[in-house]
């Protein structure tokens, strides 16, 4: 999966879960400033895990602040 595809998957999941238009969010977007609370973020991550068939341990989420940081983590879990 390409980076733009990952970003689009994040936008789609986050928009649906947070019930906000996040279609213009880029990788520099600070998750807390997007109006996504911690519970919604966990739901978004769960959605990405299901869609991509990956597992992201909770302890690896500590310190994730931007969309790009989250995508880096997710991309690192994808098979080569």
Protein backbone atom coordinates (compact mmCIF):
# COMPACT_ATOMS: atom_id res chain seq x y z
CA UNK A 1 0.00 0.00 0.00
CA UNK A 2 1.36 3.40 -0.96
CA UNK A 3 1.71 6.29 1.44
CA UNK A 4 -1.08 8.30 -0.27
CA UNK A 5 -3.35 5.24 0.03
CA UNK A 6 -2.55 4.97 3.75
CA UNK A 7 -3.32 8.66 4.21
CA UNK A 8 -6.62 8.27 2.37
CA UNK A 9 -7.53 5.26 4.52
CA UNK A 10 -6.79 7.32 7.66
CA UNK A 11 -8.88 10.23 6.35
CA UNK A 12 -11.80 7.97 5.54
CA UNK A 13 -11.76 6.11 8.87
CA UNK A 14 -11.20 9.24 10.96
CA UNK A 15 -13.92 11.20 9.13
CA UNK A 16 -16.45 8.44 9.69
CA UNK A 17 -15.58 7.83 13.34
CA UNK A 18 -15.18 11.49 14.38
CA UNK A 19 -18.09 12.59 12.18
CA UNK A 20 -16.01 15.44 10.76
CA UNK A 21 -14.78 16.31 7.29
CA UNK A 22 -11.12 15.35 7.46
CA UNK A 23 -10.66 14.93 3.71
CA UNK A 24 -8.02 17.66 3.54
CA UNK A 25 -5.88 16.47 6.46
CA UNK A 26 -2.22 15.95 5.60
CA UNK A 27 0.58 14.13 7.37
CA UNK A 28 1.60 17.25 9.28
CA UNK A 29 -1.82 17.39 10.93
CA UNK A 30 -1.69 17.23 14.72
CA UNK A 31 -4.23 14.61 15.75
CA UNK A 32 -5.37 16.49 18.87
CA UNK A 33 -6.04 19.60 16.77
CA UNK A 34 -8.25 17.67 14.33
CA UNK A 35 -10.96 17.30 16.94
CA UNK A 36 -10.28 13.59 17.40
CA UNK A 37 -10.36 12.58 21.05
CA UNK A 38 -8.40 9.67 22.50
CA UNK A 39 -11.30 7.22 22.28
CA UNK A 40 -11.98 8.14 18.66
CA UNK A 41 -8.28 7.74 17.90
CA UNK A 42 -8.34 4.22 19.32
CA UNK A 43 -11.34 3.47 17.11
CA UNK A 44 -9.49 4.82 14.06
CA UNK A 45 -6.47 2.68 14.90
CA UNK A 46 -8.73 -0.36 15.34
CA UNK A 47 -10.25 0.33 11.95
CA UNK A 48 -6.81 0.60 10.34
CA UNK A 49 -5.75 -2.65 12.03
CA UNK A 50 -8.80 -4.46 10.64
CA UNK A 51 -8.54 -2.96 7.16
CA UNK A 52 -4.81 -3.67 6.85
CA UNK A 53 -4.66 -6.89 8.91
CA UNK A 54 -1.96 -5.52 11.22
CA UNK A 55 -1.59 -5.28 15.00
CA UNK A 56 -0.36 -2.09 16.65
CA UNK A 57 0.53 -2.56 20.33
CA UNK A 58 -0.83 0.18 22.57
CA UNK A 59 2.61 0.92 24.04
CA UNK A 60 3.84 1.94 20.58
CA UNK A 61 1.18 4.66 20.39
CA UNK A 62 2.75 6.67 23.20
CA UNK A 63 4.06 9.96 21.84
CA UNK A 64 2.21 9.78 18.52
CA UNK A 65 1.08 13.34 17.82
CA UNK A 66 0.78 13.77 14.05
CA UNK A 67 -0.95 11.86 11.30
CA UNK A 68 2.47 11.25 9.71
CA UNK A 69 3.83 9.66 12.89
CA UNK A 70 0.82 7.35 13.02
CA UNK A 71 1.23 6.45 9.36
CA UNK A 72 4.93 5.70 9.94
CA UNK A 73 3.95 3.29 12.68
CA UNK A 74 1.26 1.63 10.56
CA UNK A 75 3.51 1.40 7.50
CA UNK A 76 6.15 -0.33 9.62
CA UNK A 77 3.65 -3.09 10.42
CA UNK A 78 2.74 -3.81 6.80
CA UNK A 79 4.32 -6.80 5.10
CA UNK A 80 7.11 -5.90 2.67
